[in-house]
Amino acid sequence: MDLKEYGYKTELTEGISIRELTVIPARVTAVYRERYQVVCEYGEIYAKLKIKAYYKEAEDFPTAGDFVLMRYIPNGDSQIIKTLPRKTFFSRLDPTPGRGEQVVAANFDYVFIMQSLNHDFNEKRLERYITLAWQSEATPVILLTKADLAKDVQSYMDKAKNITQGIDIYAISSVSGYGMDQIERYLKPGKTIVFLGSSGVGKSSLVNALAGEEIMSVNGIRENDSKGRHTTTHRQLIMLKSGVMVIDTPGMRALGMWDVSSGLGEAFADVEQYLGKCKFTDCKHKTEPGCVIKEAIAAGNLSEERWKSYCTLKHEARYSEDKTAYMRNKAKKCMAIAKSNKQKKGKREKYQMR
């Protein structure tokens, strides 16, 4: 199997010093807890992490879409020894307390941000997705799915345009084919697309439509609230017959902000253009005179909702960072206490033996 069809480029390994001479490049296609499915010159195989490299030397844990170096083992799980540099990656706050950042997908060209045109449509959630997508350094594209079920598609388009600074927006239907021709410009061989959207938004249906066959199971949604169960249970990269690769992720209704400094700047450029222009450098944008933010809102040049959303995401990102640091310090403190208690216990036992 030619790994170049999966986007591999030899420059990924330039300048990397590896002691083992038997390693080969591979790309992660699926993540199953502590086991990985990868594609390499030997086809699709399974691999596990080299414990020393990842648990002691702090190598970046691989995820779907990552290129890695591994030692091929013919009659068992191969061994992944290094994660190669990422050109793009999507991350969030790890749901497990104290772990910090969790990389969800890597090395993709486009982020298809999907919201369905029913009760699932949520402007606040859309702002979150856009912020995280810009942070990934890939190109975000908004797909408003299930257009065949919407009575007024244009009204949803208008709502999305109000919060999508310079991002292409398309209303599509995987069932009827409505608008599907508009997204063909992104579907080129060798390109990787990551899908982001909550459960029931139609990710699996879109994969099937792009593939021209049913390669993913599709679950229905509840009529009363348009919510669905997670069809995808693990992160995976899917190679379509067209040569396009899709990274599907489990539905994430609640996204924790992580490091989104540049993402916020892109997603909220209409807000950040006013920052730093107030009369006072320490302006809190509340009651201070000469506040440019308040003046822009009063003049109708800036939506108060947009300002509130920006503040909320900024605060959440800062809180996540502080919380992660707190949990990390707490873990270190607990380890220090445990070590101290063990030393004290050893001294007592030694004293009693005299």
Protein backbone atom coordinates (compact mmCIF):
# COMPACT_ATOMS: atom_id res chain seq x y z
CA MET A 1 0.00 0.00 0.00
CA ASP A 2 1.33 3.44 -0.97
CA LEU A 3 1.19 5.68 2.10
CA LYS A 4 1.46 8.76 -0.16
CA GLU A 5 -2.17 8.16 -1.10
CA TYR A 6 -2.91 8.84 2.55
CA GLY A 7 -1.12 12.17 2.45
CA TYR A 8 2.31 11.07 3.67
CA LYS A 9 5.29 13.22 2.61
CA THR A 10 8.91 12.25 3.16
CA GLU A 11 9.75 15.68 4.59
CA LEU A 12 7.79 14.70 7.70
CA THR A 13 10.78 12.69 8.87
CA GLU A 14 13.52 15.10 7.81
CA GLY A 15 15.81 16.06 10.67
CA ILE A 16 14.38 13.42 13.00
CA SER A 17 17.06 11.29 14.65
CA ILE A 18 15.86 7.74 15.29
CA ARG A 19 18.16 5.14 16.83
CA GLU A 20 16.16 2.22 15.49
CA LEU A 21 16.76 1.65 11.79
CA THR A 22 13.82 -0.73 11.34
CA VAL A 23 11.03 1.82 11.75
CA ILE A 24 8.56 2.67 8.98
CA PRO A 25 6.00 5.49 8.63
CA ALA A 26 2.29 4.84 9.10
CA ARG A 27 -0.94 6.81 9.53
CA VAL A 28 -3.40 6.23 12.36
CA THR A 29 -6.84 5.32 11.00
CA ALA A 30 -8.64 4.43 14.23
CA VAL A 31 -8.16 4.71 18.00
CA TYR A 32 -9.46 1.99 20.33
CA ARG A 33 -8.38 2.97 23.84
CA GLU A 34 -4.84 1.53 24.08
CA ARG A 35 -4.83 -0.06 20.62
CA TYR A 36 -4.43 1.68 17.28
CA GLN A 37 -5.35 0.75 13.74
CA VAL A 38 -2.79 2.08 11.28
CA VAL A 39 -2.16 1.94 7.55
CA CYS A 40 1.36 1.39 6.23
CA GLU A 41 3.23 -0.33 3.39
CA TYR A 42 1.97 -3.66 4.75
CA GLY A 43 -1.68 -2.59 4.62
CA GLU A 44 -4.00 -2.00 7.58
CA ILE A 45 -2.65 -3.47 10.81
CA TYR A 46 -2.85 -2.93 14.57
CA ALA A 47 -0.27 -1.38 16.85
CA LYS A 48 0.34 -0.35 20.44
CA LEU A 49 2.44 2.42 21.95
CA LYS A 50 6.00 1.96 23.12
CA ILE A 51 5.57 2.51 26.85
CA LYS A 52 8.92 4.20 27.46
CA ALA A 53 8.46 6.70 24.63
CA TYR A 54 4.91 7.72 25.49
CA TYR A 55 4.59 7.26 29.26
CA LYS A 56 8.09 8.16 30.39
CA GLU A 57 9.50 10.42 27.65
CA ALA A 58 6.20 12.32 27.12
CA GLU A 59 5.80 11.72 23.39
CA ASP A 60 2.54 13.19 22.03
CA PHE A 61 -0.16 10.52 22.13
CA PRO A 62 -1.34 9.78 18.56
CA THR A 63 -4.89 10.22 17.38
CA ALA A 64 -6.86 9.65 14.19
CA GLY A 65 -5.02 11.23 11.25
CA ASP A 66 -1.59 11.29 12.89
CA PHE A 67 1.49 10.11 11.03
CA VAL A 68 3.74 7.97 13.20
CA LEU A 69 6.92 5.95 13.08
CA MET A 70 6.59 2.34 14.16
CA ARG A 71 8.46 -0.93 14.36
CA TYR A 72 6.63 -3.47 12.21
CA ILE A 73 5.92 -6.82 13.89
CA PRO A 74 4.55 -9.42 11.41
CA ASN A 75 2.86 -11.80 13.88
CA GLY A 76 1.43 -9.40 16.43
CA ASP A 77 0.71 -5.77 17.24
CA SER A 78 3.37 -3.47 15.83
CA GLN A 79 4.97 -0.86 18.10
CA ILE A 80 4.48 2.90 17.66
CA ILE A 81 7.59 4.75 18.83
CA LYS A 82 7.07 8.36 17.68
CA THR A 83 4.32 10.78 16.62
CA LEU A 84 5.43 12.89 13.67
CA PRO A 85 4.87 16.69 13.57
CA ARG A 86 1.27 17.76 12.89
CA LYS A 87 0.36 20.39 10.31
CA THR A 88 -3.10 20.84 11.86
CA PHE A 89 -4.91 19.38 14.82
CA PHE A 90 -8.18 19.74 16.64
CA SER A 91 -8.17 19.57 20.43
CA ARG A 92 -10.46 20.13 23.38
CA LEU A 93 -10.29 19.96 27.16
CA ASP A 94 -9.95 16.29 28.07
CA PRO A 95 -13.17 15.05 29.77
CA THR A 96 -10.95 13.20 32.27
CA PRO A 97 -10.07 15.66 35.08
CA GLY A 98 -6.43 16.66 35.30
CA ARG A 99 -5.34 15.48 31.86
CA GLY A 100 -5.48 18.86 30.15
CA GLU A 101 -5.54 18.90 26.36
CA GLN A 102 -7.00 16.05 24.32
CA VAL A 103 -6.16 15.92 20.62
CA VAL A 104 -9.20 14.62 18.73
CA ALA A 105 -7.97 14.62 15.11
CA ALA A 106 -4.82 15.60 13.23
CA ASN A 107 -3.43 16.46 9.79
CA PHE A 108 -6.60 17.52 8.02
CA ASP A 109 -7.19 20.19 5.39
CA TYR A 110 -10.81 21.19 6.08
CA VAL A 111 -13.11 21.21 9.08
CA PHE A 112 -16.72 20.53 8.10
CA ILE A 113 -18.71 22.12 10.91
CA MET A 114 -22.16 20.57 10.78
CA GLN A 115 -25.45 21.72 12.25
CA SER A 116 -28.81 20.38 11.18
CA LEU A 117 -31.71 22.63 10.20
CA ASN A 118 -34.03 21.51 12.98
CA HIS A 119 -34.06 21.83 16.77
CA ASP A 120 -30.33 21.05 16.87
CA PHE A 121 -29.39 24.40 15.29
CA ASN A 122 -27.61 26.37 18.00
CA GLU A 123 -25.75 29.60 17.35
CA LYS A 124 -23.72 29.45 20.58
CA ARG A 125 -22.51 25.95 19.79
CA LEU A 126 -21.69 27.07 16.26
CA GLU A 127 -19.49 29.85 17.67
CA ARG A 128 -17.64 27.26 19.75
CA TYR A 129 -17.02 25.00 16.77
CA ILE A 130 -15.82 27.92 14.65
CA THR A 131 -13.38 29.05 17.35
CA LEU A 132 -11.91 25.57 17.72
CA ALA A 133 -11.77 25.07 13.95
CA TRP A 134 -9.79 28.28 13.38
CA GLN A 135 -7.46 27.27 16.22
CA SER A 136 -6.69 24.02 14.36
CA GLU A 137 -5.19 26.10 11.47
CA ALA A 138 -7.29 24.22 8.91
CA THR A 139 -10.01 25.82 6.76
CA PRO A 140 -13.49 25.75 8.36
CA VAL A 141 -16.59 25.16 6.22
CA ILE A 142 -20.14 25.41 7.58
CA LEU A 143 -22.59 22.71 6.45
CA LEU A 144 -26.24 23.17 7.41
CA THR A 145 -27.54 19.63 7.03
CA LYS A 146 -31.01 18.15 6.55
CA ALA A 147 -32.08 21.06 4.34
CA ASP A 148 -34.89 18.85 3.00
CA LEU A 149 -36.58 19.08 6.42
CA ALA A 150 -36.38 22.87 6.79
CA LYS A 151 -39.28 25.13 5.84
CA ASP A 152 -37.12 28.26 5.57
CA VAL A 153 -33.51 27.43 4.70
CA GLN A 154 -32.59 31.06 4.06
CA SER A 155 -33.45 32.16 7.60
CA TYR A 156 -30.96 29.63 8.98
CA MET A 157 -28.38 30.77 6.44
CA ASP A 158 -28.82 34.36 7.57
CA LYS A 159 -28.37 33.41 11.23
CA ALA A 160 -25.19 31.51 10.43
CA LYS A 161 -23.78 34.38 8.33
CA ASN A 162 -24.11 36.74 11.30
CA ILE A 163 -21.47 34.80 13.22
CA THR A 164 -19.27 33.33 10.46
CA GLN A 165 -16.67 35.88 9.46
CA GLY A 166 -15.57 34.98 5.92
CA ILE A 167 -16.45 31.27 6.16
CA ASP A 168 -18.19 29.45 3.32
CA ILE A 169 -21.70 28.25 4.27
CA TYR A 170 -23.71 25.60 2.44
CA ALA A 171 -27.15 24.15 3.07
CA ILE A 172 -27.20 20.50 2.03
CA SER A 173 -29.26 17.32 2.23
CA SER A 174 -27.61 13.91 2.09
CA VAL A 175 -31.03 12.39 1.40
CA SER A 176 -32.27 14.53 -1.50
CA GLY A 177 -28.85 15.62 -2.78
CA TYR A 178 -29.73 19.29 -2.32
CA GLY A 179 -26.58 21.45 -2.36
CA MET A 180 -24.18 18.51 -2.53
CA ASP A 181 -22.62 19.75 -5.77
CA GLN A 182 -21.52 22.93 -3.96
CA ILE A 183 -19.04 21.10 -1.73
CA GLU A 184 -17.30 19.15 -4.50
CA ARG A 185 -14.52 21.76 -4.57
CA TYR A 186 -13.27 20.40 -1.23
CA LEU A 187 -13.46 16.73 -2.21
CA LYS A 188 -10.10 16.20 -3.89
CA PRO A 189 -7.97 13.01 -3.72
CA GLY A 190 -5.38 13.20 -0.96
CA LYS A 191 -7.35 15.79 1.02
CA THR A 192 -8.45 15.03 4.58
CA ILE A 193 -11.67 16.42 6.06
CA VAL A 194 -12.68 16.27 9.72
CA PHE A 195 -16.37 16.28 10.63
CA LEU A 196 -17.52 18.12 13.75
CA GLY A 197 -21.07 18.07 15.00
CA SER A 198 -23.28 16.74 17.74
CA SER A 199 -25.05 13.40 17.58
CA GLY A 200 -27.92 13.20 15.11
CA VAL A 201 -26.56 15.99 12.90
CA GLY A 202 -26.10 13.68 9.92
CA LYS A 203 -22.37 12.99 9.83
CA SER A 204 -22.75 9.30 9.02
CA SER A 205 -25.35 10.06 6.34
CA LEU A 206 -22.97 12.54 4.72
CA VAL A 207 -20.10 10.02 4.75
CA ASN A 208 -22.38 7.50 3.03
CA ALA A 209 -23.47 10.09 0.47
CA LEU A 210 -19.88 11.06 -0.33
CA ALA A 211 -18.85 7.40 -0.55
CA GLY A 212 -21.75 6.46 -2.81
CA GLU A 213 -22.44 3.46 -0.58
CA GLU A 214 -23.50 2.70 2.98
CA ILE A 215 -20.25 2.32 4.87
CA MET A 216 -21.49 3.75 8.19
CA SER A 217 -24.63 2.88 10.14
CA VAL A 218 -27.17 5.65 10.58
CA ASN A 219 -29.34 6.11 13.67
CA GLY A 220 -32.61 7.97 13.69
CA ILE A 221 -33.35 11.01 15.83
CA ARG A 222 -36.09 11.76 18.35
CA GLU A 223 -38.79 13.90 16.79
CA ASN A 224 -39.44 15.98 19.93
CA ASP A 225 -35.93 17.43 20.30
CA SER A 226 -34.01 16.27 17.19
CA LYS A 227 -31.37 14.60 19.35
CA GLY A 228 -29.79 11.30 18.40
CA ARG A 229 -27.51 8.66 19.80
CA HIS A 230 -23.82 8.57 18.95
CA THR A 231 -23.36 6.46 15.80
CA THR A 232 -19.58 6.79 15.93
CA THR A 233 -18.03 5.38 19.11
CA HIS A 234 -14.37 5.98 18.32
CA ARG A 235 -12.24 8.36 16.29
CA GLN A 236 -11.47 7.01 12.83
CA LEU A 237 -10.09 8.00 9.44
CA ILE A 238 -12.02 6.66 6.45
CA MET A 239 -10.56 6.45 2.94
CA LEU A 240 -13.28 6.88 0.29
CA LYS A 241 -13.03 5.39 -3.21
CA SER A 242 -12.54 8.92 -4.55
CA GLY A 243 -9.28 9.26 -2.61
CA VAL A 244 -10.81 11.71 -0.14
CA MET A 245 -10.22 10.94 3.53
CA VAL A 246 -12.75 11.69 6.25
CA ILE A 247 -12.06 11.80 9.98
CA ASP A 248 -15.24 11.16 11.91
CA THR A 249 -15.40 11.85 15.62
CA PRO A 250 -17.93 10.83 18.28
CA GLY A 251 -20.66 13.44 18.66
CA MET A 252 -19.58 16.13 21.10
CA ARG A 253 -22.45 18.17 22.43
CA ALA A 254 -20.37 19.79 25.17
CA LEU A 255 -17.00 21.11 24.05
CA GLY A 256 -14.49 22.34 26.61
CA MET A 257 -12.38 25.26 25.47
CA TRP A 258 -8.63 24.71 25.52
CA ASP A 259 -5.92 26.98 24.05
CA VAL A 260 -8.00 29.05 21.61
CA SER A 261 -6.04 32.30 21.59
CA SER A 262 -5.67 32.49 17.80
CA GLY A 263 -9.01 30.76 17.21
CA LEU A 264 -10.88 33.47 19.09
CA GLY A 265 -9.09 36.12 17.08
CA GLU A 266 -10.30 34.55 13.82
CA ALA A 267 -13.81 33.65 14.98
CA PHE A 268 -14.40 37.00 16.70
CA ALA A 269 -12.45 39.39 14.49
CA ASP A 270 -15.47 41.74 14.61
CA VAL A 271 -15.02 41.94 18.39
CA GLU A 272 -11.23 42.02 18.72
CA GLN A 273 -10.91 44.96 16.33
CA TYR A 274 -12.09 47.19 19.21
CA LEU A 275 -9.80 45.77 21.91
CA GLY A 276 -6.94 47.95 23.08
CA LYS A 277 -8.57 51.17 21.85
CA CYS A 278 -10.34 52.24 25.05
CA LYS A 279 -9.35 55.39 26.95
CA PHE A 280 -7.92 53.34 29.83
CA THR A 281 -5.57 50.42 29.19
CA ASP A 282 -7.12 48.45 32.06
CA CYS A 283 -10.69 49.07 30.92
CA LYS A 284 -13.12 46.35 32.10
CA HIS A 285 -15.71 47.41 29.50
CA LYS A 286 -18.38 47.91 32.14
CA THR A 287 -18.74 51.43 33.62
CA GLU A 288 -15.49 53.09 32.56
CA PRO A 289 -15.71 56.27 30.45
CA GLY A 290 -14.20 56.18 26.98
CA CYS A 291 -14.90 52.46 26.51
CA VAL A 292 -14.79 51.71 22.79
CA ILE A 293 -16.63 48.39 23.26
CA LYS A 294 -19.63 50.09 24.90
CA GLU A 295 -19.62 52.81 22.25
CA ALA A 296 -19.60 50.23 19.44
CA ILE A 297 -22.54 48.38 21.01
CA ALA A 298 -24.48 51.60 21.52
CA ALA A 299 -23.87 52.63 17.92
CA GLY A 300 -25.03 49.27 16.63
CA ASN A 301 -21.61 48.44 15.17
CA LEU A 302 -21.15 45.49 17.51
CA SER A 303 -23.79 43.05 18.69
CA GLU A 304 -24.07 42.78 22.46
CA GLU A 305 -24.70 39.05 22.00
CA ARG A 306 -21.42 38.69 20.13
CA TRP A 307 -19.58 40.54 22.90
CA LYS A 308 -21.14 38.30 25.56
CA SER A 309 -20.24 35.17 23.58
CA TYR A 310 -16.66 36.34 23.21
CA CYS A 311 -16.36 37.01 26.95
CA THR A 312 -17.91 33.65 27.80
CA LEU A 313 -15.52 31.65 25.62
CA LYS A 314 -12.54 33.73 26.74
CA HIS A 315 -13.44 33.11 30.37
CA GLU A 316 -14.05 29.40 29.79
CA ALA A 317 -10.68 28.98 28.07
CA ARG A 318 -8.91 30.77 30.93
CA TYR A 319 -10.81 28.69 33.50
CA SER A 320 -9.89 25.45 31.72
CA GLU A 321 -6.24 26.42 31.68
CA ASP A 322 -6.28 27.38 35.37
CA LYS A 323 -8.22 24.25 36.29
CA THR A 324 -5.77 22.04 34.45
CA ALA A 325 -2.83 23.69 36.18
CA TYR A 326 -4.61 23.30 39.54
CA MET A 327 -5.26 19.57 38.96
CA ARG A 328 -1.67 19.04 37.81
CA ASN A 329 -0.29 20.77 40.94
CA LYS A 330 -2.73 18.82 43.12
CA ALA A 331 -1.51 15.54 41.64
CA LYS A 332 2.11 16.52 42.27
CA LYS A 333 1.26 17.50 45.86
CA CYS A 334 -0.49 14.16 46.46
CA MET A 335 2.51 12.29 45.08
CA ALA A 336 4.86 14.26 47.31
CA ILE A 337 2.71 13.52 50.39
CA ALA A 338 2.54 9.82 49.51
CA LYS A 339 6.32 9.72 49.07
CA SER A 340 6.84 11.50 52.38
CA ASN A 341 4.47 9.11 54.20
CA LYS A 342 6.26 6.14 52.68
CA GLN A 343 9.62 7.47 53.86
CA LYS A 344 8.25 8.10 57.37
CA LYS A 345 6.78 4.60 57.48
CA GLY A 346 10.13 3.14 56.43
CA LYS A 347 11.93 5.06 59.19
CA ARG A 348 9.41 3.86 61.82
CA GLU A 349 9.77 0.24 60.73
CA LYS A 350 13.57 0.55 60.77
CA TYR A 351 13.46 2.07 64.28
CA GLN A 352 11.14 -0.69 65.58
CA MET A 353 13.48 -3.39 64.29
CA ARG A 354 16.33 -2.08 66.46
